[in-house]
PDB file of N, CA and C in Angstrom:
ATOM      1  N   MET A   1     145.045  22.332 -15.686  1.00  0.00           N
ATOM      2  CA  MET A   1     143.842  22.595 -15.632  1.00  0.00           C
ATOM      3  C   MET A   1     143.077  22.335 -14.284  1.00  0.00           C
ATOM      4  N   LEU A   2     143.745  21.602 -13.407  1.00  0.00           N
ATOM      5  CA  LEU A   2     143.165  21.189 -12.182  1.00  0.00           C
ATOM      6  C   LEU A   2     143.142  22.656 -11.321  1.00  0.00           C
ATOM      7  N   LYS A   3     144.327  23.523 -11.459  1.00  0.00           N
ATOM      8  CA  LYS A   3     144.338  24.577 -10.751  1.00  0.00           C
ATOM      9  C   LYS A   3     143.267  25.638 -11.209  1.00  0.00           C
ATOM     10  N   VAL A   4     142.887  25.673 -12.308  1.00  0.00           N
ATOM     11  CA  VAL A   4     141.934  26.608 -12.832  1.00  0.00           C
ATOM     12  C   VAL A   4     140.688  26.038 -12.069  1.00  0.00           C
ATOM     13  N   ALA A   5     140.402  24.779 -11.948  1.00  0.00           N
ATOM     14  CA  ALA A   5     139.161  24.438 -11.223  1.00  0.00           C
ATOM     15  C   ALA A   5     139.036  24.816  -9.983  1.00  0.00           C
ATOM     16  N   HIS A   6     140.191  24.680  -9.281  1.00  0.00           N
ATOM     17  CA  HIS A   6     140.232  25.089  -7.780  1.00  0.00           C
ATOM     18  C   HIS A   6     140.003  26.741  -7.712  1.00  0.00           C
ATOM     19  N   PHE A   7     140.560  27.568  -8.558  1.00  0.00           N
ATOM     20  CA  PHE A   7     140.264  28.859  -8.532  1.00  0.00           C
ATOM     21  C   PHE A   7     138.824  29.199  -8.878  1.00  0.00           C
ATOM     22  N   THR A   8     138.203  28.496  -9.682  1.00  0.00           N
ATOM     23  CA  THR A   8     136.787  28.616  -9.969  1.00  0.00           C
ATOM     24  C   THR A   8     135.880  28.300  -8.805  1.00  0.00           C
ATOM     25  N   GLU A   9     136.320  27.052  -8.283  1.00  0.00           N
ATOM     26  CA  GLU A   9     135.585  26.604  -7.196  1.00  0.00           C
ATOM     27  C   GLU A   9     135.424  27.562  -5.841  1.00  0.00           C
ATOM     28  N   TYR A  10     136.686  28.204  -5.659  1.00  0.00           N
ATOM     29  CA  TYR A  10     136.677  28.973  -4.441  1.00  0.00           C
ATOM     30  C   TYR A  10     136.228  30.345  -4.780  1.00  0.00           C
ATOM     31  N   ALA A  11     136.137  30.646  -5.952  1.00  0.00           N
ATOM     32  CA  ALA A  11     135.406  32.139  -6.577  1.00  0.00           C
ATOM     33  C   ALA A  11     133.960  31.837  -6.172  1.00  0.00           C
ATOM     34  N   LEU A  12     133.445  30.592  -6.627  1.00  0.00           N
ATOM     35  CA  LEU A  12     131.892  30.230  -6.494  1.00  0.00           C
ATOM     36  C   LEU A  12     131.619  30.178  -4.962  1.00  0.00           C
ATOM     37  N   LEU A  13     132.462  29.489  -4.126  1.00  0.00           N
ATOM     38  CA  LEU A  13     132.380  29.408  -2.792  1.00  0.00           C
ATOM     39  C   LEU A  13     132.046  30.927  -2.137  1.00  0.00           C
ATOM     40  N   THR A  14     133.005  31.730  -2.441  1.00  0.00           N
ATOM     41  CA  THR A  14     132.978  33.018  -1.934  1.00  0.00           C
ATOM     42  C   THR A  14     131.629  33.591  -2.500  1.00  0.00           C
ATOM     43  N   ALA A  15     131.343  33.538  -3.536  1.00  0.00           N
ATOM     44  CA  ALA A  15     130.087  34.243  -4.051  1.00  0.00           C
ATOM     45  C   ALA A  15     128.800  33.601  -3.162  1.00  0.00           C
ATOM     46  N   LEU A  16     128.722  32.422  -3.008  1.00  0.00           N
ATOM     47  CA  LEU A  16     127.648  31.725  -2.281  1.00  0.00           C
ATOM     48  C   LEU A  16     127.569  32.305  -0.950  1.00  0.00           C
ATOM     49  N   TRP A  17     128.801  32.131  -0.255  1.00  0.00           N
ATOM     50  CA  TRP A  17     128.825  32.843   1.049  1.00  0.00           C
ATOM     51  C   TRP A  17     128.180  34.194   1.266  1.00  0.00           C
ATOM     52  N   TRP A  18     128.870  34.976   0.276  1.00  0.00           N
ATOM     53  CA  TRP A  18     128.350  36.390   0.231  1.00  0.00           C
ATOM     54  C   TRP A  18     126.772  36.478  -0.006  1.00  0.00           C
ATOM     55  N   ARG A  19     126.326  35.528  -0.968  1.00  0.00           N
ATOM     56  CA  ARG A  19     124.824  35.572  -1.132  1.00  0.00           C
ATOM     57  C   ARG A  19     124.014  35.149   0.120  1.00  0.00           C
ATOM     58  N   ALA A  20     124.595  34.276   0.965  1.00  0.00           N
ATOM     59  CA  ALA A  20     124.048  33.840   2.159  1.00  0.00           C
ATOM     60  C   ALA A  20     124.120  34.825   3.280  1.00  0.00           C
ATOM     61  N   LEU A  21     125.269  35.591   3.290  1.00  0.00           N
ATOM     62  CA  LEU A  21     125.385  36.507   4.389  1.00  0.00           C
ATOM     63  C   LEU A  21     124.870  38.052   4.048  1.00  0.00           C
ATOM     64  N   ARG A  22     124.570  38.359   2.919  1.00  0.00           N
ATOM     65  CA  ARG A  22     124.350  39.747   2.532  1.00  0.00           C
ATOM     66  C   ARG A  22     123.045  40.151   3.177  1.00  0.00           C
ATOM     67  N   THR A  23     122.092  39.386   3.521  1.00  0.00           N
ATOM     68  CA  THR A  23     120.925  39.768   4.193  1.00  0.00           C
ATOM     69  C   THR A  23     120.923  40.001   5.626  1.00  0.00           C
ATOM     70  N   SER A  24     122.031  39.482   6.393  1.00  0.00           N
ATOM     71  CA  SER A  24     121.985  39.611   7.684  1.00  0.00           C
ATOM     72  C   SER A  24     123.130  40.509   8.375  1.00  0.00           C
ATOM     73  N   VAL A  25     124.004  40.987   7.373  1.00  0.00           N
ATOM     74  CA  VAL A  25     125.029  42.008   7.743  1.00  0.00           C
ATOM     75  C   VAL A  25     125.185  42.869   6.517  1.00  0.00           C
ATOM     76  N   SER A  26     125.955  43.912   6.560  1.00  0.00           N
ATOM     77  CA  SER A  26     126.197  45.043   5.611  1.00  0.00           C
ATOM     78  C   SER A  26     126.794  44.209   4.305  1.00  0.00           C
ATOM     79  N   ALA A  27     126.726  44.939   3.184  1.00  0.00           N
ATOM     80  CA  ALA A  27     127.153  44.242   1.842  1.00  0.00           C
ATOM     81  C   ALA A  27     128.789  44.199   2.078  1.00  0.00           C
ATOM     82  N   ARG A  28     129.524  45.253   2.744  1.00  0.00           N
ATOM     83  CA  ARG A  28     130.771  45.221   2.784  1.00  0.00           C
ATOM     84  C   ARG A  28     131.175  44.107   3.831  1.00  0.00           C
ATOM     85  N   SER A  29     130.638  43.948   4.847  1.00  0.00           N
ATOM     86  CA  SER A  29     130.980  42.810   5.936  1.00  0.00           C
ATOM     87  C   SER A  29     130.663  41.389   5.287  1.00  0.00           C
ATOM     88  N   ALA A  30     129.683  41.314   4.392  1.00  0.00           N
ATOM     89  CA  ALA A  30     129.381  40.222   3.903  1.00  0.00           C
ATOM     90  C   ALA A  30     130.488  39.717   2.813  1.00  0.00           C
ATOM     91  N   VAL A  31     131.037  40.647   2.031  1.00  0.00           N
ATOM     92  CA  VAL A  31     131.941  40.258   1.261  1.00  0.00           C
ATOM     93  C   VAL A  31     133.430  39.870   1.969  1.00  0.00           C
ATOM     94  N   VAL A  32     133.640  40.646   2.930  1.00  0.00           N
ATOM     95  CA  VAL A  32     134.953  40.366   3.783  1.00  0.00           C
ATOM     96  C   VAL A  32     134.742  39.014   4.573  1.00  0.00           C
ATOM     97  N   ALA A  33     133.621  38.616   5.027  1.00  0.00           N
ATOM     98  CA  ALA A  33     133.431  37.435   5.802  1.00  0.00           C
ATOM     99  C   ALA A  33     133.471  36.268   4.886  1.00  0.00           C
ATOM    100  N   ALA A  34     133.000  36.566   3.612  1.00  0.00           N
ATOM    101  CA  ALA A  34     132.825  35.502   2.558  1.00  0.00           C
ATOM    102  C   ALA A  34     134.252  35.010   2.207  1.00  0.00           C
ATOM    103  N   VAL A  35     135.014  36.143   1.922  1.00  0.00           N
ATOM    104  CA  VAL A  35     136.463  35.750   1.662  1.00  0.00           C
ATOM    105  C   VAL A  35     137.253  35.159   2.907  1.00  0.00           C
ATOM    106  N   VAL A  36     137.082  35.579   4.053  1.00  0.00           N
ATOM    107  CA  VAL A  36     137.755  35.061   5.127  1.00  0.00           C
ATOM    108  C   VAL A  36     137.277  33.503   5.351  1.00  0.00           C
ATOM    109  N   ILE A  37     135.963  33.332   5.174  1.00  0.00           N
ATOM    110  CA  ILE A  37     135.503  31.769   5.344  1.00  0.00           C
ATOM    111  C   ILE A  37     136.189  31.094   4.187  1.00  0.00           C
ATOM    112  N   ALA A  38     136.245  31.458   3.014  1.00  0.00           N
ATOM    113  CA  ALA A  38     136.702  30.750   1.774  1.00  0.00           C
ATOM    114  C   ALA A  38     138.257  30.378   2.050  1.00  0.00           C
ATOM    115  N   VAL A  39     139.101  31.386   2.344  1.00  0.00           N
ATOM    116  CA  VAL A  39     140.458  31.393   2.668  1.00  0.00           C
ATOM    117  C   VAL A  39     140.710  30.452   3.738  1.00  0.00           C
ATOM    118  N   ALA A  40     139.898  30.499   4.780  1.00  0.00           N
ATOM    119  CA  ALA A  40     140.135  29.656   5.916  1.00  0.00           C
ATOM    120  C   ALA A  40     139.833  28.168   5.565  1.00  0.00           C
ATOM    121  N   TYR A  41     138.923  28.007   4.737  1.00  0.00           N
ATOM    122  CA  TYR A  41     138.564  26.430   4.291  1.00  0.00           C
ATOM    123  C   TYR A  41     139.706  26.081   3.495  1.00  0.00           C
ATOM    124  N   ALA A  42     140.102  26.980   2.433  1.00  0.00           N
ATOM    125  CA  ALA A  42     141.276  26.373   1.818  1.00  0.00           C
ATOM    126  C   ALA A  42     142.492  26.030   2.561  1.00  0.00           C
ATOM    127  N   ALA A  43     142.881  26.835   3.624  1.00  0.00           N
ATOM    128  CA  ALA A  43     144.025  26.540   4.536  1.00  0.00           C
ATOM    129  C   ALA A  43     143.757  25.205   5.213  1.00  0.00           C
ATOM    130  N   THR A  44     142.671  25.111   5.793  1.00  0.00           N
ATOM    131  CA  THR A  44     142.298  23.813   6.508  1.00  0.00           C
ATOM    132  C   THR A  44     142.159  22.835   5.605  1.00  0.00           C
ATOM    133  N   ASP A  45     141.718  22.860   4.406  1.00  0.00           N
ATOM    134  CA  ASP A  45     141.712  21.726   3.385  1.00  0.00           C
ATOM    135  C   ASP A  45     143.112  21.286   3.117  1.00  0.00           C
ATOM    136  N   GLU A  46     143.871  22.327   2.804  1.00  0.00           N
ATOM    137  CA  GLU A  46     145.349  21.739   2.444  1.00  0.00           C
ATOM    138  C   GLU A  46     146.114  21.359   3.758  1.00  0.00           C
ATOM    139  N   LEU A  47     145.661  21.728   4.862  1.00  0.00           N
ATOM    140  CA  LEU A  47     146.253  21.283   6.283  1.00  0.00           C
ATOM    141  C   LEU A  47     145.980  19.672   6.253  1.00  0.00           C
ATOM    142  N   HIS A  48     144.509  19.628   5.998  1.00  0.00           N
ATOM    143  CA  HIS A  48     143.892  18.178   6.091  1.00  0.00           C
ATOM    144  C   HIS A  48     144.688  17.188   5.101  1.00  0.00           C
ATOM    145  N   GLN A  49     144.924  17.680   3.997  1.00  0.00           N
ATOM    146  CA  GLN A  49     145.547  16.894   2.807  1.00  0.00           C
ATOM    147  C   GLN A  49     146.907  16.475   3.336  1.00  0.00           C
ATOM    148  N   THR A  50     147.614  17.063   4.181  1.00  0.00           N
ATOM    149  CA  THR A  50     149.064  16.663   4.668  1.00  0.00           C
ATOM    150  C   THR A  50     148.760  15.483   5.438  1.00  0.00           C
ATOM    151  N   THR A  51     147.851  15.112   6.031  1.00  0.00           N
ATOM    152  CA  THR A  51     147.528  14.058   6.933  1.00  0.00           C
ATOM    153  C   THR A  51     146.847  12.679   6.073  1.00  0.00           C
ATOM    154  N   VAL A  52     146.675  12.901   4.879  1.00  0.00           N
ATOM    155  CA  VAL A  52     146.270  11.914   4.077  1.00  0.00           C
ATOM    156  C   VAL A  52     147.267  11.154   3.193  1.00  0.00           C
ATOM    157  N   GLU A  53     147.558  10.014   3.289  1.00  0.00           N
ATOM    158  CA  GLU A  53     148.708   9.341   2.729  1.00  0.00           C
ATOM    159  C   GLU A  53     149.029   9.675   1.178  1.00  0.00           C
ATOM    160  N   SER A  54     147.843   9.529   0.430  1.00  0.00           N
ATOM    161  CA  SER A  54     148.004   9.797  -1.013  1.00  0.00           C
ATOM    162  C   SER A  54     147.937  11.260  -1.455  1.00  0.00           C
ATOM    163  N   ARG A  55     147.648  12.146  -0.646  1.00  0.00           N
ATOM    164  CA  ARG A  55     147.514  13.540  -0.891  1.00  0.00           C
ATOM    165  C   ARG A  55     148.873  14.369  -0.334  1.00  0.00           C
ATOM    166  N   HIS A  56     148.832  15.702  -0.888  1.00  0.00           N
ATOM    167  CA  HIS A  56     149.824  16.640  -0.191  1.00  0.00           C
ATOM    168  C   HIS A  56     149.195  18.025  -0.369  1.00  0.00           C
ATOM    169  N   GLY A  57     149.352  18.720   0.768  1.00  0.00           N
ATOM    170  CA  GLY A  57     148.701  20.122   0.752  1.00  0.00           C
ATOM    171  C   GLY A  57     149.978  21.087   0.660  1.00  0.00           C
ATOM    172  N   THR A  58     149.710  21.874  -0.213  1.00  0.00           N
ATOM    173  CA  THR A  58     150.875  23.109  -0.422  1.00  0.00           C
ATOM    174  C   THR A  58     150.345  24.566  -0.203  1.00  0.00           C
ATOM    175  N   PRO A  59     151.182  25.491   0.175  1.00  0.00           N
ATOM    176  CA  PRO A  59     150.862  26.798   0.349  1.00  0.00           C
ATOM    177  C   PRO A  59     150.374  27.379  -1.021  1.00  0.00           C
ATOM    178  N   VAL A  60     151.055  26.979  -2.023  1.00  0.00           N
ATOM    179  CA  VAL A  60     150.678  27.392  -3.341  1.00  0.00           C
ATOM    180  C   VAL A  60     149.253  27.109  -3.749  1.00  0.00           C
ATOM    181  N   ASP A  61     148.670  26.036  -3.408  1.00  0.00           N
ATOM    182  CA  ASP A  61     147.288  25.824  -3.505  1.00  0.00           C
ATOM    183  C   ASP A  61     146.421  26.795  -2.672  1.00  0.00           C
ATOM    184  N   VAL A  62     146.829  26.945  -1.519  1.00  0.00           N
ATOM    185  CA  VAL A  62     145.911  28.028  -0.717  1.00  0.00           C
ATOM    186  C   VAL A  62     146.051  29.420  -1.551  1.00  0.00           C
ATOM    187  N   LEU A  63     147.157  29.664  -2.039  1.00  0.00           N
ATOM    188  CA  LEU A  63     147.258  30.910  -2.705  1.00  0.00           C
ATOM    189  C   LEU A  63     146.360  30.994  -3.991  1.00  0.00           C
ATOM    190  N   ILE A  64     146.333  29.999  -4.665  1.00  0.00           N
ATOM    191  CA  ILE A  64     145.450  29.834  -5.943  1.00  0.00           C
ATOM    192  C   ILE A  64     143.873  29.876  -5.451  1.00  0.00           C
ATOM    193  N   ASP A  65     143.526  29.140  -4.365  1.00  0.00           N
ATOM    194  CA  ASP A  65     142.241  29.187  -3.996  1.00  0.00           C
ATOM    195  C   ASP A  65     141.762  30.622  -3.545  1.00  0.00           C
ATOM    196  N   SER A  66     142.692  31.266  -2.782  1.00  0.00           N
ATOM    197  CA  SER A  66     142.580  32.579  -2.153  1.00  0.00           C
ATOM    198  C   SER A  66     142.443  33.606  -3.471  1.00  0.00           C
ATOM    199  N   ALA A  67     143.108  33.402  -4.399  1.00  0.00           N
ATOM    200  CA  ALA A  67     143.145  34.302  -5.579  1.00  0.00           C
ATOM    201  C   ALA A  67     141.606  34.221  -6.124  1.00  0.00           C
ATOM    202  N   GLY A  68     140.994  33.077  -6.389  1.00  0.00           N
ATOM    203  CA  GLY A  68     139.744  32.819  -6.851  1.00  0.00           C
ATOM    204  C   GLY A  68     138.668  33.630  -5.704  1.00  0.00           C
ATOM    205  N   ALA A  69     138.883  33.445  -4.405  1.00  0.00           N
ATOM    206  CA  ALA A  69     138.077  34.115  -3.672  1.00  0.00           C
ATOM    207  C   ALA A  69     138.200  35.647  -3.793  1.00  0.00           C
ATOM    208  N   LEU A  70     139.237  36.074  -3.942  1.00  0.00           N
ATOM    209  CA  LEU A  70     139.532  37.628  -3.887  1.00  0.00           C
ATOM    210  C   LEU A  70     139.076  38.048  -5.261  1.00  0.00           C
ATOM    211  N   THR A  71     139.150  37.245  -6.302  1.00  0.00           N
ATOM    212  CA  THR A  71     138.625  37.751  -7.657  1.00  0.00           C
ATOM    213  C   THR A  71     137.114  37.934  -7.663  1.00  0.00           C
ATOM    214  N   ALA A  72     136.267  36.852  -7.032  1.00  0.00           N
ATOM    215  CA  ALA A  72     135.027  36.905  -6.914  1.00  0.00           C
ATOM    216  C   ALA A  72     134.534  38.065  -6.016  1.00  0.00           C
ATOM    217  N   ALA A  73     135.208  38.375  -4.963  1.00  0.00           N
ATOM    218  CA  ALA A  73     135.065  39.545  -4.096  1.00  0.00           C
ATOM    219  C   ALA A  73     134.916  40.822  -5.012  1.00  0.00           C
ATOM    220  N   GLY A  74     136.301  40.916  -5.671  1.00  0.00           N
ATOM    221  CA  GLY A  74     136.356  42.071  -6.498  1.00  0.00           C
ATOM    222  C   GLY A  74     135.066  42.196  -7.617  1.00  0.00           C
ATOM    223  N   LEU A  75     134.844  41.209  -8.094  1.00  0.00           N
ATOM    224  CA  LEU A  75     133.771  41.223  -9.013  1.00  0.00           C
ATOM    225  C   LEU A  75     132.407  41.750  -8.321  1.00  0.00           C
ATOM    226  N   ILE A  76     132.165  41.086  -7.142  1.00  0.00           N
ATOM    227  CA  ILE A  76     130.988  41.391  -6.352  1.00  0.00           C
ATOM    228  C   ILE A  76     130.875  43.079  -6.127  1.00  0.00           C
ATOM    229  N   VAL A  77     132.116  43.451  -5.571  1.00  0.00           N
ATOM    230  CA  VAL A  77     132.251  44.953  -5.180  1.00  0.00           C
ATOM    231  C   VAL A  77     131.948  45.845  -6.482  1.00  0.00           C
ATOM    232  N   ARG A  78     132.662  45.479  -7.484  1.00  0.00           N
ATOM    233  CA  ARG A  78     132.490  46.034  -8.752  1.00  0.00           C
ATOM    234  C   ARG A  78     131.189  46.161  -9.405  1.00  0.00           C
ATOM    235  N   ARG A  79     130.511  45.153  -9.204  1.00  0.00           N
ATOM    236  CA  ARG A  79     129.111  45.051  -9.757  1.00  0.00           C
ATOM    237  C   ARG A  79     128.207  45.863  -8.826  1.00  0.00           C
ATOM    238  N   ARG A  80     128.331  45.834  -7.567  1.00  0.00           N
ATOM    239  CA  ARG A  80     127.561  46.559  -6.658  1.00  0.00           C
ATOM    240  C   ARG A  80     127.741  48.161  -6.845  1.00  0.00           C
ATOM    241  N   SER A  81     128.885  48.449  -7.060  1.00  0.00           N
ATOM    242  CA  SER A  81     129.234  49.773  -7.080  1.00  0.00           C
ATOM    243  C   SER A  81     128.501  50.366  -8.524  1.00  0.00           C
ATOM    244  N   ARG A  82     128.137  49.558  -9.384  1.00  0.00           N
ATOM    245  CA  ARG A  82     127.572  50.025 -10.580  1.00  0.00           C
ATOM    246  C   ARG A  82     126.091  50.080 -10.379  1.00  0.00           C
ATOM    247  N   LEU A  83     125.402  49.452  -9.542  1.00  0.00           N
ATOM    248  CA  LEU A  83     124.035  49.316  -9.281  1.00  0.00           C
ATOM    249  C   LEU A  83     123.569  50.661  -8.580  1.00  0.00           C
ATOM    250  N   PRO A  84     122.327  51.154  -9.005  1.00  0.00           N
ATOM    251  CA  PRO A  84     121.791  52.273  -8.443  1.00  0.00           C
ATOM    252  C   PRO A  84     121.607  52.101  -6.887  1.00  0.00           C
ATOM    253  N   ALA A  85     121.788  53.204  -6.255  1.00  0.00           N
ATOM    254  CA  ALA A  85     121.540  53.130  -4.751  1.00  0.00           C
ATOM    255  C   ALA A  85     120.185  53.034  -4.272  1.00  0.00           C
TER     256      ALA A  85
END
């Protein structure tokens, strides 16, 4: 269950970054930047967890978080392609 929460959190993080960035750069650049920011945050968060005694960071968690970010990006692109120009 906790992994589903992380997936969802990073999907939401990506969507919020896209929303913040879409007015200052192209829609495509905003999606790419949002994913890069979310994945970078996931990686640095897991790296930080390796320095905390009661926690442990794993590459699998970064992959789960990244999957959430990429899913959100895919949904954004799909939705935008259906909107009239």
